[in-house]
Amino acid sequence: MRNFLKLVLFLAIFLVIITGPSDERQNLHYDGSYLYEEITPTPTQVPEKEPVIYTRKEIKYKGLRQVLHILELDLSNPSLKVFPVLSRNGIFGFEFLSDIDERYEATATVNAGFNFAYGQPSGLVVQDGRLLSSSRGYGRILLINNRKARFVSPPFKVWIDTGDEKIPVDSVNPYPYEKGIVVYTPEYGPTNRVDTEYTVCVVRNNTVQSTGIVSGEMEIPDDGFLVVDLRTENSALLNLFRGQKAELSLQEQAEQGYQCSGALVEDGKNVAKDMDEWAGNLNVPTPRTAVGIKDENTLVFLVVDGRQPGYSEGVTGKQLADILISLGVKEAALLDGGASSEMIYKGEVVNRPSTGKERLLASAFVIKYNPN
């Protein structure tokens, strides 16, 4: 019996030795003070960032209630697209933001910048690489390219590239017409509305069709553009010939571009001024809209409601910049505000326009997220 017990004990010890823990799965270490077990960690999957995040915040700023509407957009997501649009897809006219939102079947829309009397953009507009309006002397330019956003300063140069030379363009789709080399695209309307004598080059499918001196308005080709010079002598356009290549060339590639108003935040610092060339007095609390960049892949739109005591007072330019900085924004620029400040998310107007109703707008930003 004793020998049998010894045999059982021997077999038990043997089994423990051969089936003990593998060195591949865990290691025992002695560090001089205590024995501990080191287990190989299991990788933790990082949750995917939401491409579109809408947040409504109520804050007290200097004792006054403010209601914020924030859109944070992950540009690195290939299913997300952010782009500027013009009312009715043209240089002239106005449109309600809700109509724009519906027309584009947007995930979200936000009012954009300022405009001239008939709805003409106040500066550069590039949509899907297509130049709709040239830059002007004031206002930061937001560029989006390769899923990255950044601001640049004007001017944003444009040329007519023939392959052999680059002819500088002075303006794109201006009204009224201006001196210099001017380009008119189909977004301008059916004709160029020029009622005097001038030199013109007709371009279709990036190829020169004709060049000459004409008097009176000309039709703009649907598949091209007109190049106009009020000079009828010594114009660079007279050197162009039928069949020659002629493409609009930008100083740098941009899928989307929009010229805002003045700077609010630069390098994470408040740079808002007291006066803005487009917005006027920035020391008056009012509804405000701004666009900012947290990092090259993260774009932020902010709408602050205002002119509604007890609900939301509105902010000054410097206060708007402070709020943007608190949201982590490093660069930002002002958009149109007042009664124009509006944000739509998932088909609903999420803010409260100061007049209690929508205002007709000349331009907007459209956000589309299509995961499929």
Protein backbone atom coordinates (compact mmCIF):
# COMPACT_ATOMS: atom_id res chain seq x y z
CA MET A 1 0.00 0.00 0.00
CA ARG A 2 2.85 2.38 0.92
CA ASN A 3 4.56 1.68 -2.39
CA PHE A 4 1.32 2.39 -4.22
CA LEU A 5 0.98 5.81 -2.50
CA LYS A 6 4.58 6.66 -3.42
CA LEU A 7 3.82 5.80 -7.04
CA VAL A 8 0.72 8.03 -7.09
CA LEU A 9 2.66 10.94 -5.54
CA PHE A 10 5.47 10.53 -8.08
CA LEU A 11 3.03 10.58 -11.00
CA ALA A 12 1.29 13.70 -9.66
CA ILE A 13 4.59 15.61 -9.35
CA PHE A 14 5.59 14.50 -12.85
CA LEU A 15 2.31 15.76 -14.35
CA VAL A 16 2.71 19.18 -12.66
CA ILE A 17 6.20 19.54 -14.13
CA ILE A 18 5.28 18.65 -17.72
CA THR A 19 2.02 20.64 -17.80
CA GLY A 20 3.28 23.80 -16.05
CA PRO A 21 2.77 27.31 -17.49
CA SER A 22 4.49 28.03 -20.80
CA ASP A 23 7.20 30.72 -20.94
CA GLU A 24 5.44 32.07 -24.03
CA ARG A 25 2.36 32.98 -22.02
CA GLN A 26 3.81 34.37 -18.79
CA ASN A 27 7.14 35.02 -17.11
CA LEU A 28 8.03 35.18 -13.45
CA HIS A 29 10.46 37.85 -12.34
CA TYR A 30 12.14 38.60 -9.07
CA ASP A 31 13.16 42.24 -8.73
CA GLY A 32 14.81 42.00 -5.32
CA SER A 33 11.80 42.96 -3.24
CA TYR A 34 8.82 40.95 -4.39
CA LEU A 35 7.74 38.32 -6.84
CA TYR A 36 5.33 39.45 -9.57
CA GLU A 37 3.80 37.96 -12.67
CA GLU A 38 4.15 39.79 -16.01
CA ILE A 39 1.39 38.93 -18.47
CA THR A 40 1.62 39.94 -22.13
CA PRO A 41 -1.01 42.69 -22.58
CA THR A 42 -3.89 42.22 -24.99
CA PRO A 43 -4.08 45.07 -27.59
CA THR A 44 -7.00 47.41 -26.96
CA GLN A 45 -8.85 48.59 -30.06
CA VAL A 46 -9.04 52.39 -30.26
CA PRO A 47 -12.64 53.47 -30.94
CA GLU A 48 -13.15 55.07 -34.36
CA LYS A 49 -13.64 58.82 -34.25
CA GLU A 50 -17.09 60.06 -35.21
CA PRO A 51 -16.89 61.92 -38.55
CA VAL A 52 -19.58 64.49 -37.65
CA ILE A 53 -20.21 65.55 -34.05
CA TYR A 54 -22.85 68.16 -33.25
CA THR A 55 -22.88 69.63 -29.74
CA ARG A 56 -25.15 72.21 -28.16
CA LYS A 57 -23.66 73.98 -25.16
CA GLU A 58 -25.05 76.52 -22.74
CA ILE A 59 -22.42 78.61 -20.97
CA LYS A 60 -22.15 81.72 -18.84
CA TYR A 61 -19.64 84.18 -20.29
CA LYS A 62 -18.98 87.25 -18.16
CA GLY A 63 -22.26 86.55 -16.39
CA LEU A 64 -24.33 86.38 -19.58
CA ARG A 65 -25.96 83.24 -20.96
CA GLN A 66 -24.69 82.07 -24.34
CA VAL A 67 -25.90 79.14 -26.43
CA LEU A 68 -23.29 77.52 -28.67
CA HIS A 69 -23.78 75.17 -31.59
CA ILE A 70 -20.63 73.25 -32.52
CA LEU A 71 -19.90 70.99 -35.48
CA GLU A 72 -16.67 69.03 -35.29
CA LEU A 73 -15.68 67.28 -38.52
CA ASP A 74 -13.08 64.57 -39.07
CA LEU A 75 -11.70 65.33 -42.53
CA SER A 76 -9.58 62.18 -42.50
CA ASN A 77 -12.73 60.08 -42.90
CA PRO A 78 -13.00 59.18 -46.61
CA SER A 79 -16.81 59.17 -46.43
CA LEU A 80 -16.96 62.81 -45.29
CA LYS A 81 -16.99 65.79 -47.65
CA VAL A 82 -17.05 69.49 -46.76
CA PHE A 83 -17.45 72.06 -49.53
CA PRO A 84 -18.70 75.61 -50.19
CA VAL A 85 -21.76 76.26 -52.33
CA LEU A 86 -23.33 79.33 -53.90
CA SER A 87 -27.04 80.05 -53.78
CA ARG A 88 -28.79 78.40 -56.72
CA ASN A 89 -25.31 77.27 -57.86
CA GLY A 90 -24.63 80.70 -59.35
CA ILE A 91 -22.79 83.95 -58.70
CA PHE A 92 -25.98 85.97 -58.29
CA GLY A 93 -28.95 85.47 -56.01
CA PHE A 94 -29.93 84.25 -52.56
CA GLU A 95 -31.40 81.09 -51.05
CA PHE A 96 -32.59 79.81 -47.68
CA LEU A 97 -30.13 77.50 -45.94
CA SER A 98 -32.88 74.88 -45.53
CA ASP A 99 -33.35 74.81 -49.31
CA ILE A 100 -29.61 74.37 -49.84
CA ASP A 101 -29.56 71.62 -47.21
CA GLU A 102 -32.41 69.78 -48.94
CA ARG A 103 -30.98 70.24 -52.43
CA TYR A 104 -27.67 68.65 -51.44
CA GLU A 105 -29.22 66.04 -49.10
CA ALA A 106 -26.70 67.26 -46.56
CA THR A 107 -25.78 65.88 -43.17
CA ALA A 108 -25.30 69.46 -42.02
CA THR A 109 -25.09 72.98 -43.44
CA VAL A 110 -23.77 76.25 -42.03
CA ASN A 111 -24.03 79.81 -43.31
CA ALA A 112 -20.82 80.98 -44.96
CA GLY A 113 -19.33 84.44 -45.51
CA PHE A 114 -20.21 87.84 -46.85
CA ASN A 115 -21.38 88.99 -50.26
CA PHE A 116 -21.99 92.00 -52.47
CA ALA A 117 -25.37 93.52 -53.25
CA TYR A 118 -26.58 90.94 -55.75
CA GLY A 119 -25.20 87.92 -53.92
CA GLN A 120 -21.74 87.90 -55.51
CA PRO A 121 -19.14 86.23 -53.24
CA SER A 122 -16.83 88.54 -51.30
CA GLY A 123 -13.77 86.54 -52.30
CA LEU A 124 -12.33 83.21 -53.39
CA VAL A 125 -14.61 80.23 -53.91
CA VAL A 126 -13.27 76.87 -55.14
CA GLN A 127 -15.68 73.95 -55.34
CA ASP A 128 -14.38 70.48 -56.22
CA GLY A 129 -11.30 72.04 -57.79
CA ARG A 130 -13.36 74.41 -59.92
CA LEU A 131 -12.72 78.14 -59.48
CA LEU A 132 -16.00 80.06 -59.11
CA SER A 133 -14.74 83.39 -57.78
CA SER A 134 -11.30 84.96 -57.35
CA SER A 135 -9.76 86.25 -54.13
CA ARG A 136 -9.92 89.80 -52.88
CA GLY A 137 -7.61 91.77 -50.64
CA TYR A 138 -9.16 91.04 -47.23
CA GLY A 139 -10.02 87.85 -45.38
CA ARG A 140 -8.36 84.52 -44.58
CA ILE A 141 -8.75 81.79 -47.18
CA LEU A 142 -9.74 78.32 -45.98
CA LEU A 143 -8.34 75.56 -48.18
CA ILE A 144 -9.19 71.85 -48.02
CA ASN A 145 -7.05 69.41 -49.96
CA ASN A 146 -6.19 65.73 -49.48
CA ARG A 147 -8.41 65.64 -46.35
CA LYS A 148 -6.41 68.40 -44.70
CA ALA A 149 -7.44 71.99 -43.92
CA ARG A 150 -5.41 75.16 -43.56
CA PHE A 151 -5.68 78.91 -43.88
CA VAL A 152 -3.69 81.07 -46.30
CA SER A 153 -3.62 84.82 -46.86
CA PRO A 154 -4.64 86.61 -50.06
CA PRO A 155 -3.88 87.12 -52.85
CA PHE A 156 -4.55 83.68 -54.32
CA LYS A 157 -3.10 83.89 -57.82
CA VAL A 158 -4.74 82.50 -60.96
CA TRP A 159 -3.34 82.09 -64.48
CA ILE A 160 -4.42 80.93 -67.91
CA ASP A 161 -1.91 78.18 -68.66
CA THR A 162 -1.27 77.56 -72.36
CA GLY A 163 1.62 75.19 -71.81
CA ASP A 164 4.03 77.74 -73.28
CA GLU A 165 3.16 80.64 -70.98
CA LYS A 166 1.01 81.66 -68.04
CA ILE A 167 -1.19 84.72 -68.48
CA PRO A 168 -2.07 86.29 -65.09
CA VAL A 169 -5.82 86.57 -64.42
CA ASP A 170 -6.95 89.70 -62.58
CA SER A 171 -10.48 88.59 -61.68
CA VAL A 172 -12.95 85.72 -62.06
CA ASN A 173 -16.69 86.41 -62.41
CA PRO A 174 -16.70 90.04 -61.21
CA TYR A 175 -19.72 92.32 -61.43
CA PRO A 176 -19.62 94.91 -62.80
CA TYR A 177 -16.86 94.06 -65.25
CA GLU A 178 -13.36 95.26 -64.43
CA LYS A 179 -10.16 96.22 -66.21
CA GLY A 180 -7.49 93.60 -66.77
CA ILE A 181 -7.72 89.94 -67.77
CA VAL A 182 -11.11 88.69 -66.59
CA VAL A 183 -12.56 85.16 -66.75
CA TYR A 184 -16.28 84.38 -66.90
CA THR A 185 -17.52 80.85 -66.13
CA PRO A 186 -21.04 79.38 -66.58
CA GLU A 187 -21.82 80.14 -62.92
CA TYR A 188 -21.91 83.81 -63.90
CA GLY A 189 -24.98 83.31 -66.05
CA PRO A 190 -25.77 82.94 -69.77
CA THR A 191 -23.66 85.96 -70.85
CA ASN A 192 -20.75 88.05 -69.60
CA ARG A 193 -22.88 91.26 -69.38
CA VAL A 194 -20.11 93.38 -70.93
CA ASP A 195 -21.64 96.18 -72.99
CA THR A 196 -18.55 97.78 -74.52
CA GLU A 197 -15.81 96.88 -77.02
CA TYR A 198 -13.23 94.37 -75.80
CA THR A 199 -10.91 91.52 -76.71
CA VAL A 200 -12.31 88.06 -76.03
CA CYS A 201 -11.04 84.49 -76.12
CA VAL A 202 -13.59 81.66 -76.18
CA VAL A 203 -12.39 78.46 -74.47
CA ARG A 204 -14.22 75.13 -74.58
CA ASN A 205 -12.95 71.94 -72.95
CA ASN A 206 -9.69 73.75 -72.13
CA THR A 207 -9.05 74.49 -75.81
CA VAL A 208 -9.13 77.90 -77.51
CA GLN A 209 -12.00 78.13 -79.99
CA SER A 210 -11.59 81.73 -81.16
CA THR A 211 -9.99 85.07 -80.32
CA GLY A 212 -10.98 88.52 -81.51
CA ILE A 213 -12.40 91.96 -80.80
CA VAL A 214 -16.15 92.22 -80.22
CA SER A 215 -18.69 94.72 -78.95
CA GLY A 216 -21.49 93.80 -76.54
CA GLU A 217 -22.21 90.81 -74.36
CA MET A 218 -21.26 87.29 -75.38
CA GLU A 219 -22.63 83.90 -74.44
CA ILE A 220 -20.57 81.91 -71.94
CA PRO A 221 -20.02 78.30 -73.13
CA ASP A 222 -21.42 75.62 -70.81
CA ASP A 223 -18.28 73.52 -71.27
CA GLY A 224 -15.72 76.28 -70.89
CA PHE A 225 -15.22 79.96 -70.16
CA LEU A 226 -14.66 83.39 -71.68
CA VAL A 227 -11.50 85.41 -71.20
CA VAL A 228 -12.06 89.16 -71.56
CA ASP A 229 -9.70 92.13 -71.79
CA LEU A 230 -11.11 95.66 -72.13
CA ARG A 231 -7.99 96.56 -74.07
CA THR A 232 -8.38 96.15 -77.81
CA GLU A 233 -4.72 96.83 -78.55
CA ASN A 234 -1.65 95.02 -77.23
CA SER A 235 -3.76 92.49 -75.33
CA ALA A 236 -2.07 89.21 -74.45
CA LEU A 237 -5.25 87.46 -75.58
CA LEU A 238 -4.57 88.40 -79.20
CA ASN A 239 -1.59 86.03 -79.16
CA LEU A 240 -3.79 83.02 -78.47
CA PHE A 241 -4.89 80.87 -81.41
CA ARG A 242 -7.52 78.26 -82.21
CA GLY A 243 -6.68 74.76 -81.00
CA GLN A 244 -4.26 75.99 -78.36
CA LYS A 245 -4.47 74.60 -74.82
CA ALA A 246 -5.88 77.06 -72.24
CA GLU A 247 -6.52 75.95 -68.66
CA LEU A 248 -7.23 77.86 -65.48
CA SER A 249 -4.31 77.28 -63.12
CA LEU A 250 -4.30 78.05 -59.38
CA GLN A 251 -1.27 79.04 -57.34
CA GLU A 252 -1.72 75.81 -55.37
CA GLN A 253 -3.95 72.78 -55.67
CA ALA A 254 -7.19 72.98 -53.73
CA GLU A 255 -10.22 70.70 -53.79
CA GLN A 256 -12.24 73.25 -51.80
CA GLY A 257 -11.54 76.88 -51.00
CA TYR A 258 -13.43 79.76 -49.42
CA GLN A 259 -12.39 83.27 -48.46
CA CYS A 260 -13.72 84.16 -45.02
CA SER A 261 -13.46 87.49 -43.25
CA GLY A 262 -10.82 88.47 -40.69
CA ALA A 263 -8.72 86.24 -38.45
CA LEU A 264 -9.96 85.34 -34.97
CA VAL A 265 -7.35 82.82 -33.82
CA GLU A 266 -3.78 82.36 -35.02
CA ASP A 267 -1.44 79.75 -33.54
CA GLY A 268 -3.86 79.27 -30.66
CA LYS A 269 -3.90 82.96 -29.74
CA ASN A 270 -6.74 85.48 -29.78
CA VAL A 271 -6.10 87.96 -32.63
CA ALA A 272 -9.64 89.33 -33.06
CA LYS A 273 -9.75 93.03 -33.88
CA ASP A 274 -12.20 95.75 -32.86
CA MET A 275 -13.28 96.37 -36.46
CA ASP A 276 -13.69 94.02 -39.40
CA GLU A 277 -13.81 95.10 -43.04
CA TRP A 278 -16.92 93.02 -43.65
CA ALA A 279 -18.53 92.50 -40.23
CA GLY A 280 -17.98 96.04 -38.97
CA ASN A 281 -17.79 96.72 -35.22
CA LEU A 282 -16.74 93.50 -33.48
CA ASN A 283 -17.17 94.99 -30.00
CA VAL A 284 -20.96 94.68 -30.21
CA PRO A 285 -22.40 91.39 -28.84
CA THR A 286 -24.33 89.73 -31.65
CA PRO A 287 -24.94 86.30 -33.21
CA ARG A 288 -21.69 85.02 -34.69
CA THR A 289 -20.50 82.25 -37.01
CA ALA A 290 -16.89 81.12 -37.36
CA VAL A 291 -14.84 78.32 -38.87
CA GLY A 292 -11.77 76.93 -37.15
CA ILE A 293 -9.08 74.27 -37.38
CA LYS A 294 -8.10 72.13 -34.36
CA ASP A 295 -5.54 70.18 -36.36
CA GLU A 296 -5.05 69.60 -40.07
CA ASN A 297 -7.71 66.86 -40.10
CA THR A 298 -10.27 68.45 -37.76
CA LEU A 299 -12.53 71.30 -38.83
CA VAL A 300 -14.89 73.13 -36.47
CA PHE A 301 -17.90 75.32 -37.24
CA LEU A 302 -19.29 77.43 -34.40
CA VAL A 303 -22.58 79.33 -34.28
CA VAL A 304 -23.37 81.46 -31.22
CA ASP A 305 -26.97 82.61 -30.89
CA GLY A 306 -27.57 86.21 -29.90
CA ARG A 307 -29.83 89.26 -29.62
CA GLN A 308 -32.21 87.20 -27.46
CA PRO A 309 -31.99 88.34 -23.79
CA GLY A 310 -32.53 85.53 -21.33
CA TYR A 311 -31.77 82.90 -23.96
CA SER A 312 -28.48 83.95 -25.57
CA GLU A 313 -26.95 87.42 -25.65
CA GLY A 314 -24.41 87.04 -28.43
CA VAL A 315 -20.67 87.69 -28.32
CA THR A 316 -18.02 90.14 -29.46
CA GLY A 317 -15.21 89.17 -31.80
CA LYS A 318 -12.74 88.70 -28.94
CA GLN A 319 -15.24 86.62 -26.96
CA LEU A 320 -15.88 84.47 -30.02
CA ALA A 321 -12.14 83.85 -30.34
CA ASP A 322 -11.88 82.94 -26.64
CA ILE A 323 -14.66 80.37 -27.02
CA LEU A 324 -12.97 78.86 -30.09
CA ILE A 325 -9.68 78.57 -28.20
CA SER A 326 -11.49 76.84 -25.31
CA LEU A 327 -12.71 74.26 -27.86
CA GLY A 328 -9.12 73.49 -28.87
CA VAL A 329 -9.13 75.53 -32.07
CA LYS A 330 -5.68 76.70 -33.21
CA GLU A 331 -6.67 78.74 -36.30
CA ALA A 332 -9.99 80.45 -37.05
CA ALA A 333 -11.70 83.07 -39.18
CA LEU A 334 -14.95 85.00 -39.04
CA LEU A 335 -17.95 84.22 -41.23
CA ASP A 336 -21.17 86.21 -41.67
CA GLY A 337 -23.18 86.68 -38.49
CA GLY A 338 -26.19 88.51 -37.13
CA ALA A 339 -29.48 87.27 -38.58
CA SER A 340 -27.48 85.18 -41.09
CA SER A 341 -26.00 82.90 -38.40
CA GLU A 342 -27.58 79.51 -38.92
CA MET A 343 -26.77 75.82 -38.59
CA ILE A 344 -28.76 72.83 -39.81
CA TYR A 345 -28.05 69.29 -38.60
CA LYS A 346 -29.89 66.21 -39.85
CA GLY A 347 -32.52 68.35 -41.53
CA GLU A 348 -33.32 70.53 -38.49
CA VAL A 349 -32.37 74.14 -37.80
CA VAL A 350 -30.57 73.58 -34.49
CA ASN A 351 -29.90 77.20 -33.54
CA ARG A 352 -32.36 80.04 -33.02
CA PRO A 353 -31.89 82.74 -35.71
CA SER A 354 -32.16 86.16 -34.09
CA THR A 355 -35.21 87.25 -36.12
CA GLY A 356 -37.06 84.01 -35.44
CA LYS A 357 -36.83 82.91 -39.07
CA GLU A 358 -34.32 82.02 -41.76
CA ARG A 359 -32.55 84.70 -43.74
CA LEU A 360 -31.74 84.45 -47.43
CA LEU A 361 -28.06 83.62 -47.92
CA ALA A 362 -25.61 83.96 -50.81
CA SER A 363 -23.36 81.04 -49.83
CA ALA A 364 -23.02 78.18 -47.37
CA PHE A 365 -20.88 75.24 -46.30
CA VAL A 366 -22.30 71.78 -46.97
CA ILE A 367 -21.26 68.71 -44.98
CA LYS A 368 -22.09 65.32 -46.46
CA TYR A 369 -21.37 62.00 -44.77
CA ASN A 370 -22.10 58.91 -46.87
CA PRO A 371 -20.62 55.81 -45.19
CA ASN A 372 -21.87 53.60 -48.00
